[in-house]
C-alpha atoms as a PDB file:
ATOM      1  CA  MET A   1      68.181  76.689  99.589  1.00  0.00           C
ATOM      2  CA  GLU A   2      68.468  79.142 102.399  1.00  0.00           C
ATOM      3  CA  LEU A   3      72.296  78.565 103.484  1.00  0.00           C
ATOM      4  CA  THR A   4      72.807  78.473 107.439  1.00  0.00           C
ATOM      5  CA  GLU A   5      75.768  79.761 109.808  1.00  0.00           C
ATOM      6  CA  LYS A   6      77.193  75.980 109.260  1.00  0.00           C
ATOM      7  CA  ASN A   7      77.285  75.482 105.566  1.00  0.00           C
ATOM      8  CA  ILE A   8      78.314  79.042 104.588  1.00  0.00           C
ATOM      9  CA  LYS A   9      81.703  78.074 106.914  1.00  0.00           C
ATOM     10  CA  ALA A  10      81.622  74.361 105.275  1.00  0.00           C
ATOM     11  CA  LEU A  11      81.575  76.561 101.651  1.00  0.00           C
ATOM     12  CA  LEU A  12      84.213  78.992 102.837  1.00  0.00           C
ATOM     13  CA  ASP A  13      86.410  76.170 103.851  1.00  0.00           C
ATOM     14  CA  LYS A  14      86.255  74.579 100.478  1.00  0.00           C
ATOM     15  CA  LEU A  15      87.674  77.921  98.651  1.00  0.00           C
ATOM     16  CA  PRO A  16      91.564  77.816 100.036  1.00  0.00           C
ATOM     17  CA  GLN A  17      91.196  73.853  99.005  1.00  0.00           C
ATOM     18  CA  LEU A  18      90.081  74.838  95.471  1.00  0.00           C
ATOM     19  CA  LYS A  19      93.330  76.641  95.061  1.00  0.00           C
ATOM     20  CA  THR A  20      95.297  73.920  96.662  1.00  0.00           C
ATOM     21  CA  GLU A  21      93.996  71.615  94.120  1.00  0.00           C
ATOM     22  CA  ILE A  22      94.989  73.423  91.106  1.00  0.00           C
ATOM     23  CA  GLN A  23      98.688  74.470  92.525  1.00  0.00           C
ATOM     24  CA  LYS A  24      99.011  70.547  92.023  1.00  0.00           C
ATOM     25  CA  VAL A  25      99.649  71.069  88.510  1.00  0.00           C
ATOM     26  CA  ILE A  26     100.161  74.789  88.499  1.00  0.00           C
ATOM     27  CA  VAL A  27     103.706  76.013  89.700  1.00  0.00           C
ATOM     28  CA  GLY A  28     103.325  79.496  91.398  1.00  0.00           C
ATOM     29  CA  GLN A  29     101.201  82.251  89.812  1.00  0.00           C
ATOM     30  CA  ASP A  30      99.928  82.869  93.327  1.00  0.00           C
ATOM     31  CA  ALA A  31      98.411  85.993  92.471  1.00  0.00           C
ATOM     32  CA  ILE A  32      96.811  84.730  88.830  1.00  0.00           C
ATOM     33  CA  LEU A  33      95.134  81.968  90.582  1.00  0.00           C
ATOM     34  CA  ASP A  34      93.531  84.549  92.978  1.00  0.00           C
ATOM     35  CA  GLU A  35      92.017  86.692  90.489  1.00  0.00           C
ATOM     36  CA  LEU A  36      90.782  84.313  88.653  1.00  0.00           C
ATOM     37  CA  LEU A  37      88.982  82.440  91.560  1.00  0.00           C
ATOM     38  CA  VAL A  38      88.063  86.108  92.392  1.00  0.00           C
ATOM     39  CA  ALA A  39      86.514  86.576  88.871  1.00  0.00           C
ATOM     40  CA  PHE A  40      84.364  82.850  89.138  1.00  0.00           C
ATOM     41  CA  LEU A  41      83.097  84.041  92.150  1.00  0.00           C
ATOM     42  CA  ALA A  42      81.767  87.329  91.314  1.00  0.00           C
ATOM     43  CA  GLY A  43      80.196  85.711  88.535  1.00  0.00           C
ATOM     44  CA  GLY A  44      82.321  87.335  85.663  1.00  0.00           C
ATOM     45  CA  HIS A  45      85.119  86.341  82.926  1.00  0.00           C
ATOM     46  CA  CYS A  46      88.472  86.814  82.223  1.00  0.00           C
ATOM     47  CA  LEU A  47      90.965  87.933  79.428  1.00  0.00           C
ATOM     48  CA  LEU A  48      94.203  86.478  79.958  1.00  0.00           C
ATOM     49  CA  GLU A  49      97.016  87.882  78.045  1.00  0.00           C
ATOM     50  CA  GLY A  50     100.341  86.539  78.032  1.00  0.00           C
ATOM     51  CA  VAL A  51     103.320  85.134  75.251  1.00  0.00           C
ATOM     52  CA  PRO A  52     102.606  81.492  74.420  1.00  0.00           C
ATOM     53  CA  GLY A  53     104.012  78.603  77.063  1.00  0.00           C
ATOM     54  CA  LEU A  54     102.909  80.267  80.134  1.00  0.00           C
ATOM     55  CA  ALA A  55     100.164  77.689  80.855  1.00  0.00           C
ATOM     56  CA  LYS A  56      97.211  79.900  80.244  1.00  0.00           C
ATOM     57  CA  THR A  57      95.370  76.864  79.142  1.00  0.00           C
ATOM     58  CA  LEU A  58      96.562  74.295  81.677  1.00  0.00           C
ATOM     59  CA  ILE A  59      95.402  76.847  84.068  1.00  0.00           C
ATOM     60  CA  VAL A  60      92.108  76.883  83.160  1.00  0.00           C
ATOM     61  CA  LYS A  61      92.141  73.168  82.295  1.00  0.00           C
ATOM     62  CA  THR A  62      93.031  72.232  85.707  1.00  0.00           C
ATOM     63  CA  MET A  63      90.681  74.869  87.593  1.00  0.00           C
ATOM     64  CA  SER A  64      87.862  73.600  85.884  1.00  0.00           C
ATOM     65  CA  GLN A  65      88.667  69.657  87.001  1.00  0.00           C
ATOM     66  CA  ALA A  66      88.972  71.033  90.645  1.00  0.00           C
ATOM     67  CA  LEU A  67      85.631  72.588  90.338  1.00  0.00           C
ATOM     68  CA  HIS A  68      84.162  69.715  88.591  1.00  0.00           C
ATOM     69  CA  LEU A  69      82.453  71.307  85.351  1.00  0.00           C
ATOM     70  CA  ALA A  70      82.179  70.900  81.950  1.00  0.00           C
ATOM     71  CA  PHE A  71      84.950  72.089  79.988  1.00  0.00           C
ATOM     72  CA  ARG A  72      85.304  73.283  76.238  1.00  0.00           C
ATOM     73  CA  ARG A  73      88.012  74.845  74.547  1.00  0.00           C
ATOM     74  CA  ILE A  74      87.143  76.858  71.103  1.00  0.00           C
ATOM     75  CA  GLN A  75      90.663  77.570  69.225  1.00  0.00           C
ATOM     76  CA  PHE A  76      89.367  80.494  67.709  1.00  0.00           C
ATOM     77  CA  THR A  77      90.671  81.175  64.028  1.00  0.00           C
ATOM     78  CA  PRO A  78      89.870  83.271  61.186  1.00  0.00           C
ATOM     79  CA  ASP A  79      87.673  81.176  59.552  1.00  0.00           C
ATOM     80  CA  LEU A  80      85.580  80.374  62.969  1.00  0.00           C
ATOM     81  CA  MET A  81      81.780  81.077  62.294  1.00  0.00           C
ATOM     82  CA  PRO A  82      79.070  81.794  65.121  1.00  0.00           C
ATOM     83  CA  THR A  83      77.305  78.716  64.662  1.00  0.00           C
ATOM     84  CA  ASP A  84      80.651  76.951  65.297  1.00  0.00           C
ATOM     85  CA  ILE A  85      80.546  77.940  68.819  1.00  0.00           C
ATOM     86  CA  ILE A  86      76.900  78.264  69.004  1.00  0.00           C
ATOM     87  CA  GLY A  87      75.333  75.318  67.466  1.00  0.00           C
ATOM     88  CA  THR A  88      73.540  74.940  64.193  1.00  0.00           C
ATOM     89  CA  GLU A  89      70.423  72.836  63.362  1.00  0.00           C
ATOM     90  CA  ILE A  90      70.473  69.535  61.820  1.00  0.00           C
ATOM     91  CA  LEU A  91      67.847  67.730  59.731  1.00  0.00           C
ATOM     92  CA  GLU A  92      66.710  64.691  61.761  1.00  0.00           C
ATOM     93  CA  GLU A  93      63.885  61.707  60.885  1.00  0.00           C
ATOM     94  CA  ASP A  94      61.438  60.159  63.252  1.00  0.00           C
ATOM     95  CA  HIS A  95      62.122  56.345  62.877  1.00  0.00           C
ATOM     96  CA  VAL A  96      58.761  55.722  64.021  1.00  0.00           C
ATOM     97  CA  THR A  97      56.447  58.089  61.547  1.00  0.00           C
ATOM     98  CA  GLY A  98      58.747  58.880  58.765  1.00  0.00           C
ATOM     99  CA  LYS A  99      58.743  62.751  59.262  1.00  0.00           C
ATOM    100  CA  ARG A 100      61.465  65.145  59.267  1.00  0.00           C
ATOM    101  CA  PHE A 101      62.667  68.014  61.644  1.00  0.00           C
ATOM    102  CA  PHE A 102      65.400  70.516  62.330  1.00  0.00           C
ATOM    103  CA  LYS A 103      66.776  69.913  66.229  1.00  0.00           C
ATOM    104  CA  PHE A 104      69.328  72.292  67.430  1.00  0.00           C
ATOM    105  CA  ASN A 105      72.524  70.934  67.741  1.00  0.00           C
ATOM    106  CA  LYS A 106      74.541  72.604  70.843  1.00  0.00           C
ATOM    107  CA  GLY A 107      77.982  73.955  70.139  1.00  0.00           C
ATOM    108  CA  PRO A 108      80.924  74.152  72.262  1.00  0.00           C
ATOM    109  CA  LEU A 109      79.428  77.129  74.221  1.00  0.00           C
ATOM    110  CA  PHE A 110      77.192  75.041  75.715  1.00  0.00           C
ATOM    111  CA  ALA A 111      79.385  74.271  78.892  1.00  0.00           C
ATOM    112  CA  ASN A 112      80.347  75.544  82.198  1.00  0.00           C
ATOM    113  CA  ILE A 113      83.962  76.641  81.782  1.00  0.00           C
ATOM    114  CA  ILE A 114      84.723  77.944  78.169  1.00  0.00           C
ATOM    115  CA  LEU A 115      88.870  78.497  76.823  1.00  0.00           C
ATOM    116  CA  ALA A 116      88.290  81.002  74.258  1.00  0.00           C
ATOM    117  CA  ASP A 117      91.714  80.456  73.046  1.00  0.00           C
ATOM    118  CA  GLU A 118      93.709  83.590  70.778  1.00  0.00           C
ATOM    119  CA  ILE A 119      89.868  85.124  70.709  1.00  0.00           C
ATOM    120  CA  ASN A 120      91.551  88.426  68.570  1.00  0.00           C
ATOM    121  CA  ARG A 121      92.112  85.846  65.978  1.00  0.00           C
ATOM    122  CA  THR A 122      88.484  85.583  64.815  1.00  0.00           C
ATOM    123  CA  PRO A 123      86.723  87.922  62.824  1.00  0.00           C
ATOM    124  CA  PRO A 124      84.210  90.450  64.975  1.00  0.00           C
ATOM    125  CA  LYS A 125      81.097  88.439  63.467  1.00  0.00           C
ATOM    126  CA  THR A 126      82.088  85.452  65.638  1.00  0.00           C
ATOM    127  CA  GLN A 127      83.436  87.722  68.677  1.00  0.00           C
ATOM    128  CA  SER A 128      79.886  89.047  68.628  1.00  0.00           C
ATOM    129  CA  ALA A 129      78.586  85.742  69.564  1.00  0.00           C
ATOM    130  CA  LEU A 130      80.568  85.236  71.865  1.00  0.00           C
ATOM    131  CA  LEU A 131      79.742  88.670  73.274  1.00  0.00           C
ATOM    132  CA  GLU A 132      76.077  87.814  73.582  1.00  0.00           C
ATOM    133  CA  ALA A 133      76.607  84.965  75.540  1.00  0.00           C
ATOM    134  CA  MET A 134      78.846  86.442  77.972  1.00  0.00           C
ATOM    135  CA  GLN A 135      76.544  89.302  78.561  1.00  0.00           C
ATOM    136  CA  GLU A 136      73.347  87.633  78.438  1.00  0.00           C
ATOM    137  CA  PHE A 137      74.032  84.084  79.401  1.00  0.00           C
ATOM    138  CA  GLU A 138      72.487  83.075  76.774  1.00  0.00           C
ATOM    139  CA  VAL A 139      72.311  82.450  73.057  1.00  0.00           C
ATOM    140  CA  THR A 140      70.223  82.752  70.233  1.00  0.00           C
ATOM    141  CA  TYR A 141      69.837  81.114  66.858  1.00  0.00           C
ATOM    142  CA  GLY A 142      67.174  81.226  64.038  1.00  0.00           C
ATOM    143  CA  GLY A 143      64.563  83.710  66.749  1.00  0.00           C
ATOM    144  CA  GLN A 144      65.055  80.773  69.207  1.00  0.00           C
ATOM    145  CA  THR A 145      66.785  81.996  72.250  1.00  0.00           C
ATOM    146  CA  TYR A 146      68.831  78.924  74.348  1.00  0.00           C
ATOM    147  CA  PRO A 147      69.851  79.774  78.245  1.00  0.00           C
ATOM    148  CA  LEU A 148      73.313  78.654  79.172  1.00  0.00           C
ATOM    149  CA  ASP A 149      74.530  76.238  81.665  1.00  0.00           C
ATOM    150  CA  LYS A 150      75.273  77.894  85.375  1.00  0.00           C
ATOM    151  CA  PRO A 151      78.026  78.183  86.352  1.00  0.00           C
ATOM    152  CA  PHE A 152      78.903  80.071  83.238  1.00  0.00           C
ATOM    153  CA  PHE A 153      82.998  81.471  83.112  1.00  0.00           C
ATOM    154  CA  ILE A 154      84.747  82.388  79.778  1.00  0.00           C
ATOM    155  CA  LEU A 155      88.226  82.700  80.188  1.00  0.00           C
ATOM    156  CA  ALA A 156      89.646  84.195  76.638  1.00  0.00           C
ATOM    157  CA  THR A 157      93.076  84.683  75.751  1.00  0.00           C
ATOM    158  CA  GLN A 158      95.159  86.675  73.388  1.00  0.00           C
ATOM    159  CA  ASN A 159      98.898  86.938  72.786  1.00  0.00           C
ATOM    160  CA  PRO A 160     100.027  90.508  73.098  1.00  0.00           C
ATOM    161  CA  ILE A 161     103.143  89.772  70.707  1.00  0.00           C
ATOM    162  CA  GLU A 162     101.594  88.793  67.293  1.00  0.00           C
ATOM    163  CA  GLN A 163      99.559  90.840  66.266  1.00  0.00           C
ATOM    164  CA  ALA A 164      99.613  90.133  62.231  1.00  0.00           C
ATOM    165  CA  GLY A 165      95.830  88.966  60.960  1.00  0.00           C
ATOM    166  CA  THR A 166      94.229  89.714  64.334  1.00  0.00           C
ATOM    167  CA  TYR A 167      90.823  91.436  64.979  1.00  0.00           C
ATOM    168  CA  PRO A 168      91.430  93.263  68.461  1.00  0.00           C
ATOM    169  CA  LEU A 169      88.904  93.258  70.448  1.00  0.00           C
ATOM    170  CA  PRO A 170      86.884  96.311  70.862  1.00  0.00           C
ATOM    171  CA  GLU A 171      86.439  98.738  73.916  1.00  0.00           C
ATOM    172  CA  ALA A 172      82.774  98.090  74.198  1.00  0.00           C
ATOM    173  CA  GLN A 173      83.562  94.254  74.183  1.00  0.00           C
ATOM    174  CA  LEU A 174      87.121  94.371  76.536  1.00  0.00           C
ATOM    175  CA  ASP A 175      84.623  96.337  79.103  1.00  0.00           C
ATOM    176  CA  ARG A 176      82.446  92.758  79.343  1.00  0.00           C
ATOM    177  CA  PHE A 177      85.397  91.364  80.999  1.00  0.00           C
ATOM    178  CA  LEU A 178      85.452  91.639  84.395  1.00  0.00           C
ATOM    179  CA  LEU A 179      89.613  91.442  84.865  1.00  0.00           C
ATOM    180  CA  LEU A 180      92.192  91.714  82.379  1.00  0.00           C
ATOM    181  CA  ILE A 181      94.593  89.335  83.767  1.00  0.00           C
ATOM    182  CA  LYS A 182      98.450  89.702  83.034  1.00  0.00           C
ATOM    183  CA  ILE A 183     100.460  86.345  82.803  1.00  0.00           C
ATOM    184  CA  GLY A 184     104.456  87.254  83.233  1.00  0.00           C
ATOM    185  CA  TYR A 185     107.390  85.046  83.365  1.00  0.00           C
ATOM    186  CA  PRO A 186     107.894  82.126  86.542  1.00  0.00           C
ATOM    187  CA  THR A 187     110.496  83.314  88.831  1.00  0.00           C
ATOM    188  CA  PRO A 188     113.759  81.233  89.148  1.00  0.00           C
ATOM    189  CA  GLU A 189     112.609  79.267  91.360  1.00  0.00           C
ATOM    190  CA  GLU A 190     109.195  78.865  90.135  1.00  0.00           C
ATOM    191  CA  GLU A 191     110.986  77.731  86.240  1.00  0.00           C
ATOM    192  CA  PHE A 192     113.111  74.934  88.572  1.00  0.00           C
ATOM    193  CA  ALA A 193     109.652  73.303  90.008  1.00  0.00           C
ATOM    194  CA  ILE A 194     108.274  73.359  86.943  1.00  0.00           C
ATOM    195  CA  LEU A 195     110.976  71.934  84.683  1.00  0.00           C
ATOM    196  CA  ASN A 196     111.833  69.519  87.476  1.00  0.00           C
ATOM    197  CA  ARG A 197     107.493  68.421  88.079  1.00  0.00           C
ATOM    198  CA  THR A 198     106.548  68.448  84.066  1.00  0.00           C
ATOM    199  CA  THR A 199     109.159  66.352  82.717  1.00  0.00           C
ATOM    200  CA  GLY A 200     109.325  63.207  84.751  1.00  0.00           C
ATOM    201  CA  THR A 201     106.690  60.292  84.620  1.00  0.00           C
ATOM    202  CA  LYS A 202     104.874  61.614  88.076  1.00  0.00           C
ATOM    203  CA  LYS A 203     101.268  63.278  87.006  1.00  0.00           C
ATOM    204  CA  ALA A 204      99.212  65.063  89.792  1.00  0.00           C
ATOM    205  CA  ASN A 205      95.369  64.118  90.305  1.00  0.00           C
ATOM    206  CA  VAL A 206      93.420  66.895  91.014  1.00  0.00           C
ATOM    207  CA  GLN A 207      90.313  66.087  93.011  1.00  0.00           C
ATOM    208  CA  ALA A 208      87.288  68.331  92.337  1.00  0.00           C
ATOM    209  CA  VAL A 209      86.374  69.554  95.897  1.00  0.00           C
ATOM    210  CA  ILE A 210      83.177  71.972  95.038  1.00  0.00           C
ATOM    211  CA  THR A 211      80.321  71.522  93.030  1.00  0.00           C
ATOM    212  CA  ALA A 212      78.064  73.642  90.749  1.00  0.00           C
ATOM    213  CA  ASP A 213      75.582  74.222  92.871  1.00  0.00           C
ATOM    214  CA  GLU A 214      78.009  75.254  95.817  1.00  0.00           C
ATOM    215  CA  ILE A 215      79.347  77.559  93.378  1.00  0.00           C
ATOM    216  CA  ILE A 216      75.993  79.164  92.473  1.00  0.00           C
ATOM    217  CA  GLN A 217      75.556  79.767  96.378  1.00  0.00           C
ATOM    218  CA  ALA A 218      79.118  81.174  97.108  1.00  0.00           C
ATOM    219  CA  GLN A 219      78.523  83.583  94.101  1.00  0.00           C
ATOM    220  CA  ALA A 220      75.181  84.667  95.881  1.00  0.00           C
ATOM    221  CA  LEU A 221      77.238  85.038  99.070  1.00  0.00           C
ATOM    222  CA  VAL A 222      79.528  87.405  97.415  1.00  0.00           C
ATOM    223  CA  ARG A 223      76.757  89.949  96.863  1.00  0.00           C
ATOM    224  CA  GLN A 224      75.950  89.624 100.391  1.00  0.00           C
ATOM    225  CA  VAL A 225      79.712  90.951 101.862  1.00  0.00           C
ATOM    226  CA  THR A 226      78.975  94.269 103.369  1.00  0.00           C
ATOM    227  CA  ILE A 227      81.136  97.285 101.991  1.00  0.00           C
ATOM    228  CA  ASN A 228      80.330 101.155 104.032  1.00  0.00           C
ATOM    229  CA  GLU A 229      79.848 103.800 102.200  1.00  0.00           C
ATOM    230  CA  ASP A 230      83.091 105.362 102.716  1.00  0.00           C
ATOM    231  CA  LEU A 231      84.586 102.602 100.627  1.00  0.00           C
ATOM    232  CA  THR A 232      81.508 102.603  97.889  1.00  0.00           C
ATOM    233  CA  ARG A 233      82.658 106.648  97.714  1.00  0.00           C
ATOM    234  CA  TYR A 234      86.125 106.078  97.317  1.00  0.00           C
ATOM    235  CA  VAL A 235      86.001 103.431  94.474  1.00  0.00           C
ATOM    236  CA  SER A 236      83.474 106.357  92.976  1.00  0.00           C
ATOM    237  CA  GLU A 237      86.306 109.181  93.359  1.00  0.00           C
ATOM    238  CA  ILE A 238      88.253 106.245  91.673  1.00  0.00           C
ATOM    239  CA  ILE A 239      86.421 105.629  88.622  1.00  0.00           C
ATOM    240  CA  ARG A 240      85.587 109.210  87.980  1.00  0.00           C
ATOM    241  CA  ALA A 241      89.446 110.745  88.293  1.00  0.00           C
ATOM    242  CA  THR A 242      90.220 108.385  85.152  1.00  0.00           C
ATOM    243  CA  ARG A 243      87.875 110.274  83.048  1.00  0.00           C
ATOM    244  CA  PRO A 244      90.008 112.957  81.298  1.00  0.00           C
ATOM    245  CA  ASP A 245      87.000 115.307  80.146  1.00  0.00           C
ATOM    246  CA  THR A 246      85.866 115.577  83.912  1.00  0.00           C
ATOM    247  CA  THR A 247      88.984 115.229  86.038  1.00  0.00           C
ATOM    248  CA  THR A 248      91.006 117.836  87.864  1.00  0.00           C
ATOM    249  CA  ILE A 249      94.432 115.541  87.700  1.00  0.00           C
ATOM    250  CA  ASN A 250      96.793 116.439  84.798  1.00  0.00           C
ATOM    251  CA  TYR A 251      98.458 113.676  83.969  1.00  0.00           C
ATOM    252  CA  ILE A 252      95.100 111.664  83.494  1.00  0.00           C
ATOM    253  CA  LYS A 253      94.342 115.069  80.835  1.00  0.00           C
ATOM    254  CA  GLU A 254      97.492 114.590  79.534  1.00  0.00           C
ATOM    255  CA  TRP A 255      97.724 110.499  78.732  1.00  0.00           C
ATOM    256  CA  VAL A 256      94.414 109.181  79.024  1.00  0.00           C
ATOM    257  CA  ARG A 257      92.272 109.187  75.837  1.00  0.00           C
ATOM    258  CA  TRP A 258      88.743 107.714  77.385  1.00  0.00           C
ATOM    259  CA  GLY A 259      88.290 106.780  81.229  1.00  0.00           C
ATOM    260  CA  ALA A 260      86.346 104.029  82.491  1.00  0.00           C
ATOM    261  CA  GLY A 261      82.308 104.253  82.823  1.00  0.00           C
ATOM    262  CA  PRO A 262      80.361 102.764  85.651  1.00  0.00           C
ATOM    263  CA  ARG A 263      80.616  99.562  84.983  1.00  0.00           C
ATOM    264  CA  ALA A 264      84.279  99.232  86.023  1.00  0.00           C
ATOM    265  CA  GLY A 265      82.990 100.646  89.606  1.00  0.00           C
ATOM    266  CA  GLN A 266      80.774  97.832  89.656  1.00  0.00           C
ATOM    267  CA  ALA A 267      83.317  95.301  88.864  1.00  0.00           C
ATOM    268  CA  LEU A 268      85.743  96.915  91.038  1.00  0.00           C
ATOM    269  CA  ILE A 269      83.371  96.449  94.094  1.00  0.00           C
ATOM    270  CA  LEU A 270      82.207  93.041  92.847  1.00  0.00           C
ATOM    271  CA  THR A 271      85.556  92.037  92.909  1.00  0.00           C
ATOM    272  CA  ALA A 272      86.728  93.460  96.248  1.00  0.00           C
ATOM    273  CA  LYS A 273      83.671  91.348  97.819  1.00  0.00           C
ATOM    274  CA  ALA A 274      85.096  88.410  96.179  1.00  0.00           C
ATOM    275  CA  ARG A 275      88.352  88.753  97.727  1.00  0.00           C
ATOM    276  CA  ALA A 276      87.154  89.361 100.799  1.00  0.00           C
ATOM    277  CA  LEU A 277      85.144  86.438 100.863  1.00  0.00           C
ATOM    278  CA  LEU A 278      88.381  84.310  99.568  1.00  0.00           C
ATOM    279  CA  LYS A 279      89.981  85.843 102.502  1.00  0.00           C
ATOM    280  CA  GLY A 280      87.503  84.438 104.889  1.00  0.00           C
ATOM    281  CA  ARG A 281      86.184  87.876 105.609  1.00  0.00           C
ATOM    282  CA  TYR A 282      82.423  89.238 105.561  1.00  0.00           C
ATOM    283  CA  SER A 283      83.258  92.790 104.894  1.00  0.00           C
ATOM    284  CA  VAL A 284      85.746  94.649 102.063  1.00  0.00           C
ATOM    285  CA  LEU A 285      88.985  96.461 103.077  1.00  0.00           C
ATOM    286  CA  MET A 286      91.270  99.089 101.457  1.00  0.00           C
ATOM    287  CA  GLU A 287      93.547  96.406 100.484  1.00  0.00           C
ATOM    288  CA  ASP A 288      90.671  94.686  98.469  1.00  0.00           C
ATOM    289  CA  ILE A 289      90.038  97.386  96.601  1.00  0.00           C
ATOM    290  CA  HIS A 290      93.471  98.140  95.850  1.00  0.00           C
ATOM    291  CA  ALA A 291      94.879  94.517  94.927  1.00  0.00           C
ATOM    292  CA  MET A 292      91.845  94.312  92.215  1.00  0.00           C
ATOM    293  CA  ALA A 293      91.964  97.750  90.735  1.00  0.00           C
ATOM    294  CA  PRO A 294      94.945  96.989  88.310  1.00  0.00           C
ATOM    295  CA  ALA A 295      93.127  93.943  86.782  1.00  0.00           C
ATOM    296  CA  VAL A 296      90.021  96.035  86.479  1.00  0.00           C
ATOM    297  CA  LEU A 297      90.662  99.154  84.966  1.00  0.00           C
ATOM    298  CA  ARG A 298      93.955  98.366  82.902  1.00  0.00           C
ATOM    299  CA  HIS A 299      91.511  97.001  79.785  1.00  0.00           C
ATOM    300  CA  ARG A 300      88.743 100.005  80.547  1.00  0.00           C
ATOM    301  CA  ILE A 301      91.640 103.061  80.492  1.00  0.00           C
ATOM    302  CA  LEU A 302      92.369 103.567  76.942  1.00  0.00           C
ATOM    303  CA  MET A 303      95.662 105.357  76.741  1.00  0.00           C
ATOM    304  CA  ASN A 304      96.175 107.982  74.102  1.00  0.00           C
ATOM    305  CA  PHE A 305      99.176 108.027  71.359  1.00  0.00           C
ATOM    306  CA  LYS A 306     101.430 110.655  74.131  1.00  0.00           C
ATOM    307  CA  ALA A 307     101.335 107.915  76.686  1.00  0.00           C
ATOM    308  CA  GLU A 308     102.279 105.041  74.298  1.00  0.00           C
ATOM    309  CA  ALA A 309     105.276 106.739  73.076  1.00  0.00           C
ATOM    310  CA  GLU A 310     106.536 107.409  76.981  1.00  0.00           C
ATOM    311  CA  GLY A 311     105.516 104.122  77.617  1.00  0.00           C
ATOM    312  CA  ILE A 312     102.904 105.025  79.865  1.00  0.00           C
ATOM    313  CA  THR A 313     100.677 102.079  80.865  1.00  0.00           C
ATOM    314  CA  SER A 314      97.284 102.135  82.359  1.00  0.00           C
ATOM    315  CA  ASP A 315      98.498 100.277  85.405  1.00  0.00           C
ATOM    316  CA  ARG A 316     101.215 103.206  86.241  1.00  0.00           C
ATOM    317  CA  VAL A 317      97.638 105.549  85.996  1.00  0.00           C
ATOM    318  CA  THR A 318      96.005 103.508  88.175  1.00  0.00           C
ATOM    319  CA  GLU A 319      98.851 103.129  90.338  1.00  0.00           C
ATOM    320  CA  GLU A 320      99.133 107.141  90.699  1.00  0.00           C
ATOM    321  CA  LEU A 321      95.464 107.366  90.787  1.00  0.00           C
ATOM    322  CA  ILE A 322      95.000 105.203  93.912  1.00  0.00           C
ATOM    323  CA  LYS A 323      97.991 107.772  96.098  1.00  0.00           C
ATOM    324  CA  VAL A 324      96.303 110.927  94.740  1.00  0.00           C
ATOM    325  CA  VAL A 325      92.554 110.286  95.404  1.00  0.00           C
ATOM    326  CA  GLU A 326      93.733 108.675  99.138  1.00  0.00           C
ATOM    327  CA  ARG A 327      95.590 111.851  99.559  1.00  0.00           C
ATOM    328  CA  LYS A 328      92.509 113.847  98.813  1.00  0.00           C
ATOM    329  CA  GLY A 329      90.945 112.894 101.365  1.00  0.00           C
ATOM    330  CA  ALA A 330      87.925 110.697  99.886  1.00  0.00           C
ATOM    331  CA  LEU A 331      88.105 108.438 103.283  1.00  0.00           C
END
């Protein structure tokens, strides 16, 4: 269906309502919610990193309620097999003819929003099955391909402090996540509000404000948001400057083991477009690129041992990089 100007306005008006509904349950975390909604509008997947008890699961569940979409949670464990998430064939019998046949029984991946809880606790074979679903929006079983429902959004979580017995995600799989979102502790005021709101009898009622079809329309609309050539060139300069073998920036050569690939540039432009749309604009501004750069690049810039020993993070590299590229006059 072709969107008219009236339909587009009605659709854009629903995006702030979506955040309002989520905030009925989630206290604070404004930046986190914005990044999640940006990723969803851009049609990508997110990796959430934070210590236990910071409402990672609750954020995802509440978001699915406000979006009126099918939600499934998969608790990743060391004994989880690919068939546990994809599905498997079961033997059934036709009661009329008596003939037996195999029928594919769909697994929990066949939903719109998937919470992949503690993804780094499952073996590489199961992680790879999830990777195909993330990249291809389909799964394969027994030589047969099954398309996944759209919209399809995977939110994976990992705990940064308990690494014993885990299977760290390889760089190639990390790159498939549009954003790496870090969730920190709440402020004193937010923590008071959390305690006050969650220890009584009152329960928030989250209303669904947007349908699956409207989400797909919004995702298509993101692609139509304009970005001028100067900003595109600016993004390209940032991405290319992260690579120690080609950059002229000394601290990149000193601290970075591996830089970001072209997919990082695509992610930065798409998320900047989605953020612009979320803010009610039809064109990308510099502030959109600056706002999205840390979450786009923090898992795509791999630090070397020297940087880790000195406590230098990819977030700091990104922050410095933006300043340097601007000073060089990319615009």
